[in-house]
Protein backbone atom coordinates (compact mmCIF):
# COMPACT_ATOMS: atom_id res chain seq x y z
CA MET A 1 -38.47 -36.60 -12.76
CA ARG A 2 -35.42 -39.26 -12.73
CA ILE A 3 -32.09 -39.32 -11.75
CA LEU A 4 -30.03 -41.75 -13.90
CA LYS A 5 -26.70 -43.21 -13.73
CA VAL A 6 -24.65 -42.31 -16.43
CA ASP A 7 -23.07 -45.96 -17.61
CA LEU A 8 -19.47 -44.54 -18.79
CA ASP A 9 -19.18 -47.54 -21.60
CA ASP A 10 -22.16 -45.97 -23.48
CA PRO A 11 -21.66 -43.33 -25.55
CA VAL A 12 -25.17 -41.88 -25.60
CA GLY A 13 -25.36 -41.49 -22.04
CA VAL A 14 -22.10 -39.98 -21.84
CA LYS A 15 -22.75 -37.86 -24.90
CA ARG A 16 -25.93 -36.49 -22.79
CA PHE A 17 -23.99 -35.52 -19.98
CA ILE A 18 -21.49 -33.57 -21.72
CA SER A 19 -23.93 -31.92 -24.10
CA PHE A 20 -26.32 -30.48 -21.38
CA PRO A 21 -24.27 -27.03 -20.66
CA PHE A 22 -24.07 -26.46 -24.06
CA LYS A 23 -27.93 -26.24 -24.38
CA LEU A 24 -28.36 -24.91 -20.83
CA TYR A 25 -25.75 -21.89 -21.63
CA SER A 26 -26.88 -21.63 -25.48
CA SER A 27 -28.31 -17.97 -25.15
CA SER A 28 -25.06 -16.74 -22.94
CA PRO A 29 -22.63 -14.83 -24.36
CA TYR A 30 -20.33 -15.55 -21.65
CA TRP A 31 -19.96 -18.96 -21.18
CA VAL A 32 -17.19 -20.57 -22.77
CA PRO A 33 -17.31 -24.54 -23.69
CA PRO A 34 -14.86 -27.06 -22.54
CA LEU A 35 -12.89 -29.10 -25.29
CA TRP A 36 -15.53 -32.06 -26.05
CA SER A 37 -12.37 -34.19 -26.43
CA GLU A 38 -11.18 -33.15 -22.83
CA MET A 39 -14.65 -33.91 -21.38
CA LEU A 40 -14.80 -37.28 -23.21
CA LYS A 41 -11.26 -38.24 -21.51
CA ASN A 42 -12.76 -37.22 -17.97
CA LEU A 43 -15.65 -39.74 -18.52
CA ASP A 44 -13.44 -42.47 -19.71
CA PRO A 45 -11.85 -44.63 -17.33
CA HIS A 46 -9.62 -46.44 -19.57
CA ARG A 47 -8.13 -42.97 -20.70
CA HIS A 48 -7.90 -40.49 -17.57
CA PRO A 49 -5.36 -41.31 -14.80
CA PHE A 50 -7.58 -40.35 -12.19
CA TYR A 51 -9.47 -43.65 -12.25
CA GLU A 52 -6.07 -45.59 -11.48
CA HIS A 53 -6.30 -44.64 -8.08
CA SER A 54 -9.87 -43.15 -7.55
CA GLN A 55 -13.55 -43.61 -8.14
CA ALA A 56 -16.20 -41.32 -9.84
CA GLU A 57 -19.79 -41.55 -10.87
CA TYR A 58 -21.70 -39.31 -12.73
CA PHE A 59 -25.79 -38.75 -12.70
CA LEU A 60 -28.45 -36.95 -14.75
CA ALA A 61 -31.67 -35.41 -13.85
CA VAL A 62 -34.20 -36.14 -16.43
CA GLU A 63 -37.95 -34.97 -17.11
CA GLY A 64 -39.59 -36.87 -19.30
CA ASN A 65 -36.88 -37.40 -22.27
CA GLU A 66 -35.07 -33.98 -21.45
CA VAL A 67 -32.01 -33.47 -19.29
CA VAL A 68 -32.60 -30.69 -16.64
CA GLY A 69 -29.21 -31.45 -14.59
CA ARG A 70 -26.03 -33.13 -14.20
CA ILE A 71 -23.85 -34.03 -11.41
CA GLY A 72 -20.54 -35.89 -10.74
CA VAL A 73 -19.10 -37.11 -7.41
CA GLN A 74 -15.72 -38.42 -6.38
CA GLU A 75 -13.99 -40.32 -4.14
CA ASN A 76 -10.42 -39.07 -4.64
CA ARG A 77 -8.26 -41.31 -2.43
CA ARG A 78 -5.14 -39.31 -2.99
CA HIS A 79 -6.77 -36.23 -1.88
CA ASN A 80 -8.26 -37.95 1.05
CA HIS A 81 -4.54 -39.52 1.99
CA PHE A 82 -2.77 -36.28 1.43
CA ARG A 83 -5.41 -34.60 3.25
CA GLN A 84 -6.02 -36.99 6.15
CA ALA A 85 -9.85 -36.68 5.09
CA LYS A 86 -12.67 -38.62 4.38
CA ASP A 87 -14.03 -36.10 1.56
CA ALA A 88 -16.20 -36.58 -1.26
CA ILE A 89 -16.03 -34.09 -4.18
CA PHE A 90 -18.69 -33.00 -6.60
CA CYS A 91 -17.72 -32.13 -9.93
CA PHE A 92 -19.65 -30.92 -13.12
CA PHE A 93 -22.66 -29.56 -11.60
CA ASP A 94 -25.11 -27.73 -13.94
CA SER A 95 -28.72 -27.45 -13.45
CA ILE A 96 -31.79 -25.37 -14.78
CA GLU A 97 -33.15 -23.02 -12.28
CA ASP A 98 -35.12 -25.51 -10.20
CA GLU A 99 -34.39 -26.04 -6.71
CA SER A 100 -36.10 -29.55 -6.81
CA VAL A 101 -33.48 -30.55 -9.60
CA ALA A 102 -30.43 -29.43 -7.87
CA LYS A 103 -31.74 -31.24 -4.46
CA ALA A 104 -32.42 -34.56 -6.16
CA LEU A 105 -28.93 -34.41 -7.63
CA PHE A 106 -27.18 -33.46 -4.34
CA GLU A 107 -29.19 -36.12 -2.39
CA THR A 108 -27.99 -38.82 -4.94
CA ALA A 109 -24.46 -37.81 -4.55
CA PHE A 110 -24.81 -37.55 -0.74
CA ASP A 111 -26.16 -41.16 -0.86
CA TRP A 112 -23.07 -42.22 -2.83
CA ALA A 113 -20.71 -40.73 -0.54
CA LYS A 114 -22.40 -42.17 2.52
CA LYS A 115 -22.35 -45.59 1.28
CA ARG A 116 -18.24 -45.26 0.78
CA GLY A 117 -17.90 -44.03 4.44
CA LEU A 118 -17.16 -40.56 3.45
CA GLU A 119 -17.81 -37.79 5.98
CA ARG A 120 -18.00 -34.51 4.20
CA MET A 121 -18.58 -33.19 0.59
CA ILE A 122 -16.72 -30.57 -0.89
CA GLY A 123 -16.43 -28.92 -4.39
CA PRO A 124 -16.84 -28.24 -6.91
CA LYS A 125 -13.41 -29.26 -8.15
CA GLY A 126 -12.05 -31.39 -11.42
CA LEU A 127 -10.55 -34.78 -11.39
CA LEU A 128 -6.96 -33.14 -11.22
CA GLY A 129 -6.02 -30.92 -8.39
CA SER A 130 -4.68 -28.20 -10.83
CA GLN A 131 -8.23 -27.93 -12.80
CA ALA A 132 -9.89 -24.63 -11.99
CA GLY A 133 -13.11 -25.19 -9.56
CA GLY A 134 -15.34 -23.17 -7.57
CA VAL A 135 -18.64 -21.49 -8.54
CA LEU A 136 -19.00 -18.01 -9.89
CA VAL A 137 -20.38 -15.82 -7.47
CA ASP A 138 -19.24 -12.46 -8.54
CA GLY A 139 -18.13 -11.11 -12.09
CA TYR A 140 -21.11 -12.36 -14.13
CA GLU A 141 -20.68 -9.58 -16.85
CA HIS A 142 -17.05 -10.71 -17.68
CA LEU A 143 -15.93 -13.42 -19.92
CA PRO A 144 -14.05 -15.95 -18.20
CA ALA A 145 -10.47 -16.44 -18.49
CA LEU A 146 -9.41 -19.57 -20.11
CA SER A 147 -10.59 -22.90 -18.75
CA MET A 148 -11.98 -21.21 -15.97
CA PRO A 149 -15.63 -21.76 -14.79
CA TYR A 150 -18.74 -19.58 -15.85
CA ASN A 151 -22.22 -20.14 -14.51
CA TYR A 152 -25.78 -18.40 -13.93
CA PRO A 153 -26.00 -16.70 -10.72
CA TYR A 154 -28.56 -18.84 -9.51
CA TYR A 155 -26.00 -21.75 -8.87
CA ASP A 156 -24.93 -20.16 -5.41
CA ARG A 157 -28.67 -20.08 -4.20
CA LEU A 158 -29.24 -23.78 -5.31
CA ILE A 159 -25.89 -25.03 -3.67
CA THR A 160 -26.84 -23.39 -0.63
CA LEU A 161 -30.40 -24.49 -0.32
CA ALA A 162 -28.75 -28.11 -0.65
CA GLY A 163 -27.10 -27.44 2.75
CA PHE A 164 -23.76 -26.22 1.64
CA GLU A 165 -21.53 -23.74 3.15
CA LYS A 166 -18.87 -21.39 2.01
CA ASP A 167 -15.43 -23.13 2.48
CA THR A 168 -13.29 -20.49 0.60
CA ASP A 169 -13.24 -18.07 -2.28
CA HIS A 170 -10.80 -17.42 -4.95
CA LEU A 171 -10.21 -14.17 -6.42
CA SER A 172 -9.41 -13.01 -10.12
CA GLY A 173 -8.11 -9.54 -10.72
CA TYR A 174 -7.45 -7.31 -13.74
CA LEU A 175 -4.33 -5.01 -14.48
CA ARG A 176 -3.96 -3.16 -17.78
CA ALA A 177 -0.97 -4.46 -19.66
CA ASP A 178 0.51 -1.14 -20.26
CA HIS A 179 0.51 -0.59 -16.26
CA SER A 180 3.64 0.27 -15.03
CA LEU A 181 4.75 -1.54 -11.63
CA PRO A 182 5.64 0.96 -8.98
CA GLU A 183 9.05 2.44 -8.53
CA ARG A 184 9.41 0.83 -5.27
CA VAL A 185 8.89 -2.61 -6.85
CA LEU A 186 11.31 -2.08 -9.42
CA ARG A 187 13.92 -0.76 -6.71
CA ILE A 188 13.40 -3.92 -4.63
CA ALA A 189 13.84 -6.18 -7.69
CA GLU A 190 17.24 -4.72 -8.44
CA LYS A 191 18.30 -4.88 -4.81
CA VAL A 192 17.20 -8.62 -4.51
CA ARG A 193 18.92 -9.27 -7.75
CA GLN A 194 22.20 -8.07 -6.40
CA LYS A 195 22.07 -9.07 -2.75
CA ARG A 196 20.71 -12.57 -3.23
CA GLY A 197 21.89 -13.65 -6.83
CA PHE A 198 18.63 -14.43 -8.03
CA TRP A 199 18.06 -14.70 -11.87
CA VAL A 200 15.43 -15.73 -14.24
CA LYS A 201 15.09 -18.31 -16.42
CA ASN A 202 13.79 -17.83 -20.06
CA PHE A 203 12.64 -20.71 -22.45
CA ALA A 204 13.32 -20.41 -26.25
CA SER A 205 11.01 -23.41 -27.35
CA LYS A 206 8.27 -25.87 -26.20
CA GLU A 207 10.80 -28.63 -26.07
CA GLU A 208 13.05 -26.71 -23.51
CA MET A 209 9.94 -26.41 -21.46
CA ARG A 210 9.00 -29.87 -21.54
CA GLN A 211 12.41 -30.62 -20.06
CA TRP A 212 12.12 -28.34 -17.29
CA ILE A 213 8.43 -29.47 -16.31
CA PRO A 214 9.59 -32.43 -13.83
CA ILE A 215 11.88 -29.80 -11.86
CA VAL A 216 9.12 -27.09 -12.07
CA ALA A 217 6.56 -29.41 -10.85
CA ARG A 218 8.57 -30.71 -7.74
CA VAL A 219 8.60 -26.90 -6.97
CA HIS A 220 5.00 -26.49 -7.35
CA ALA A 221 4.47 -29.56 -4.93
CA GLU A 222 6.43 -27.83 -2.12
CA ALA A 223 4.95 -24.46 -3.23
CA PHE A 224 1.33 -25.48 -2.93
CA ALA A 225 1.32 -28.15 -0.32
CA ASN A 226 -1.09 -26.16 1.67
CA ASN A 227 -3.13 -25.01 -1.05
CA TYR A 228 -6.89 -25.45 -1.11
CA SER A 229 -6.78 -27.74 -4.04
CA PHE A 230 -3.51 -29.12 -4.11
CA VAL A 231 -2.89 -32.72 -4.46
CA PRO A 232 0.50 -34.46 -5.46
CA PRO A 233 -0.12 -35.68 -9.17
CA THR A 234 1.11 -39.05 -10.26
CA GLU A 235 3.29 -39.18 -13.04
CA LYS A 236 0.42 -39.83 -15.61
CA GLU A 237 -1.27 -36.89 -14.19
CA LEU A 238 1.70 -34.80 -14.33
CA GLU A 239 2.01 -35.81 -18.25
CA MET A 240 -1.61 -34.52 -18.77
CA ILE A 241 -0.96 -31.25 -16.76
CA ALA A 242 2.38 -30.53 -18.82
CA HIS A 243 0.80 -31.31 -22.08
CA SER A 244 -1.89 -28.81 -21.25
CA ILE A 245 0.70 -25.98 -20.26
CA ILE A 246 2.69 -26.71 -23.40
CA SER A 247 -0.14 -26.72 -25.72
CA ILE A 248 -1.17 -23.17 -24.96
CA ALA A 249 1.90 -21.60 -23.43
CA ASP A 250 4.42 -19.47 -25.45
CA PRO A 251 7.84 -19.98 -24.04
CA PRO A 252 8.45 -16.54 -23.38
CA LEU A 253 5.59 -16.14 -21.17
CA VAL A 254 6.95 -18.80 -18.87
CA LYS A 255 9.13 -17.87 -16.29
CA VAL A 256 11.55 -19.45 -13.90
CA VAL A 257 13.35 -18.02 -11.09
CA MET A 258 16.67 -19.64 -10.13
CA LYS A 259 19.10 -19.27 -7.04
CA GLY A 260 22.63 -20.55 -8.60
CA ASP A 261 21.47 -23.75 -10.61
CA SER A 262 18.29 -24.49 -8.43
CA VAL A 263 14.80 -23.51 -9.39
CA ILE A 264 12.80 -21.54 -6.30
CA GLY A 265 9.90 -20.61 -8.24
CA PHE A 266 7.79 -20.15 -11.41
CA LEU A 267 5.25 -17.85 -13.31
CA ILE A 268 2.83 -19.21 -15.85
CA SER A 269 1.11 -17.32 -18.30
CA TYR A 270 -0.84 -17.45 -21.73
CA HIS A 271 -3.03 -16.07 -24.27
CA ASP A 272 -6.55 -15.84 -23.40
CA LEU A 273 -8.34 -18.08 -26.23
CA SER A 274 -11.87 -17.85 -24.73
CA ARG A 275 -13.51 -16.31 -27.59
CA GLY A 276 -11.81 -18.83 -29.77
CA LEU A 277 -13.33 -21.78 -27.81
CA GLN A 278 -16.59 -19.95 -28.08
CA LYS A 279 -16.31 -20.05 -32.08
CA ALA A 280 -14.90 -23.44 -32.09
CA LYS A 281 -18.15 -24.72 -30.22
CA GLY A 282 -15.76 -27.00 -27.85
CA LYS A 283 -14.50 -28.92 -30.93
CA ILE A 284 -11.06 -29.03 -32.47
CA PHE A 285 -12.17 -30.78 -35.60
CA PRO A 286 -12.68 -29.98 -38.22
CA PHE A 287 -12.39 -26.07 -37.87
CA GLY A 288 -12.11 -25.55 -34.48
CA TRP A 289 -8.23 -25.29 -34.60
CA PHE A 290 -8.77 -22.37 -37.24
CA TRP A 291 -10.66 -20.50 -34.50
CA LEU A 292 -8.16 -21.15 -31.61
CA LEU A 293 -5.01 -20.40 -33.91
CA LEU A 294 -6.61 -17.18 -35.27
CA GLU A 295 -7.83 -15.98 -31.38
CA LYS A 296 -4.04 -16.50 -30.42
CA ARG A 297 -2.99 -14.13 -33.13
CA ARG A 298 -5.79 -11.27 -32.11
CA THR A 299 -6.61 -11.80 -28.41
CA LYS A 300 -5.84 -8.71 -26.32
CA TRP A 301 -5.95 -10.58 -23.12
CA LEU A 302 -3.23 -12.36 -21.15
CA ASN A 303 -4.10 -14.69 -18.24
CA VAL A 304 -1.56 -15.36 -15.25
CA ASN A 305 -2.44 -18.61 -13.91
CA GLY A 306 0.28 -20.15 -11.55
CA ALA A 307 2.80 -18.57 -9.72
CA GLY A 308 4.80 -19.81 -6.67
CA LEU A 309 7.86 -19.87 -4.67
CA LEU A 310 9.53 -22.38 -2.11
CA PRO A 311 8.45 -21.96 1.18
CA GLU A 312 11.85 -20.80 2.37
CA TYR A 313 12.03 -18.32 -0.17
CA TRP A 314 8.82 -16.37 1.08
CA GLY A 315 9.43 -12.84 1.65
CA SER A 316 12.83 -13.00 -0.21
CA GLY A 317 11.80 -10.46 -2.87
CA ALA A 318 11.92 -13.42 -5.57
CA ASN A 319 8.35 -13.03 -6.45
CA VAL A 320 9.22 -9.36 -7.42
CA ILE A 321 11.66 -10.48 -9.86
CA LEU A 322 9.14 -12.85 -11.73
CA TYR A 323 6.58 -9.83 -11.93
CA THR A 324 9.34 -7.24 -13.65
CA GLU A 325 10.55 -9.77 -15.94
CA LEU A 326 6.97 -10.61 -16.84
CA GLN A 327 6.36 -7.06 -17.39
CA LYS A 328 9.35 -6.75 -19.67
CA THR A 329 7.84 -9.71 -21.83
CA VAL A 330 4.18 -8.66 -22.17
CA ARG A 331 5.24 -5.29 -23.84
CA GLN A 332 6.65 -7.40 -26.62
CA TYR A 333 3.12 -8.54 -27.03
CA PRO A 334 -0.07 -6.55 -28.19
CA PHE A 335 -1.79 -7.47 -25.17
CA GLU A 336 -3.91 -4.70 -23.62
CA HIS A 337 -5.31 -6.61 -20.41
CA VAL A 338 -4.03 -8.87 -17.98
CA GLU A 339 -6.20 -11.44 -15.82
CA VAL A 340 -4.72 -12.88 -12.82
CA VAL A 341 -6.34 -15.95 -12.33
CA GLN A 342 -7.87 -17.39 -8.87
CA VAL A 343 -5.75 -16.41 -6.00
CA ASP A 344 -7.08 -18.18 -2.83
CA GLU A 345 -8.48 -15.33 -0.46
CA LYS A 346 -6.72 -16.97 2.29
CA ASN A 347 -3.63 -16.63 1.04
CA LEU A 348 -2.81 -13.24 2.24
CA ALA A 349 0.97 -13.22 0.93
CA SER A 350 -0.29 -13.55 -2.48
CA ARG A 351 -3.38 -11.30 -2.37
CA SER A 352 -0.75 -8.69 -0.83
CA ASP A 353 1.82 -9.11 -3.51
CA MET A 354 -1.03 -8.52 -6.19
CA GLU A 355 -2.84 -5.56 -4.72
CA ALA A 356 0.94 -3.97 -4.54
CA ILE A 357 1.44 -4.06 -8.08
CA GLY A 358 -2.12 -2.81 -8.96
CA VAL A 359 -4.34 -5.75 -9.58
CA LYS A 360 -8.01 -4.97 -8.72
CA TRP A 361 -10.07 -8.01 -7.89
CA TYR A 362 -13.26 -8.52 -10.17
CA LYS A 363 -14.17 -11.97 -10.17
CA ARG A 364 -14.73 -14.40 -7.19
CA HIS A 365 -15.31 -18.32 -7.40
CA ARG A 366 -16.53 -19.90 -4.44
CA ASN A 367 -16.17 -23.60 -3.03
CA TYR A 368 -18.64 -25.21 -0.64
CA ARG A 369 -18.31 -27.73 2.01
CA LYS A 370 -21.12 -29.87 3.84
CA ASP A 371 -20.82 -32.41 6.45
CA LEU A 372 -22.58 -35.66 5.66
């Protein structure tokens, strides 16, 4: 077996890296392919804003002429500056069920990190802090929510055998779309409106959403400053995140809670297009767009992915107003199921909020750490 570094200027090597999981999961009914165009951008130092401030390299494990594993490793300088750390981050790890393959890939990543004076490896995480990370360790029998990772059950064992230990888990939960919020929650929402003067801003168009994103981004930065994966995005990274949100979210499904003229919190939800991505096989053209549009019309699943409040408003009841407003909106759509995506298990306030409105946790993604 050989470990080969991917030359990012070589289209053949890049294609081999991107295509490996398509082959690995070809028989899985649950794996959802990423957009091929997005993966090409991830591996293009001339197009992705991550490479303006940080470095990453990518490796393939090859037996004969066959790819049997892959891994990426990052030195995210913004992460290390913000966290006051010397971390390497692994990403895009995929492997056949073979301990020797995983070990060789991780040893290559460890060597890369040590040569740069890095002291710990964490992951898996994407190039942007807003991208979902982790390895699925519970909930294999469910289709992943849009853009959420899916992997075979043996991944946790391979990563643990490479010397990693658990860092934190993120939980995803289920709620029926016709679920009624407890009467106590509704009473709290009404009292908070009257007493504190909170109100919810709704959006009528994607263009209106675009104008508000810089404001919401500042609130997001304060609300998630202590979140496991948060790193303040650059302007170009923010543009990329905004484009992603605007491209998939219907304006009525995005809520902003206000105090007077000031944004103090937000909630982002959108149609789950995972089945459409499976049909499209990760490609928009020539016909992938048709499957995505069709899935948006027929999906019965809503994903709630992103809710936050400014720290000074934690415990104020503003979050309850967001939930009640979302309930009203959801009932205007033909949704039958709601998935609340990736709440950090250490975020006790968010976990309690979700459990109070009836969310049942049914998926778990794990992040890992290892001292080098």
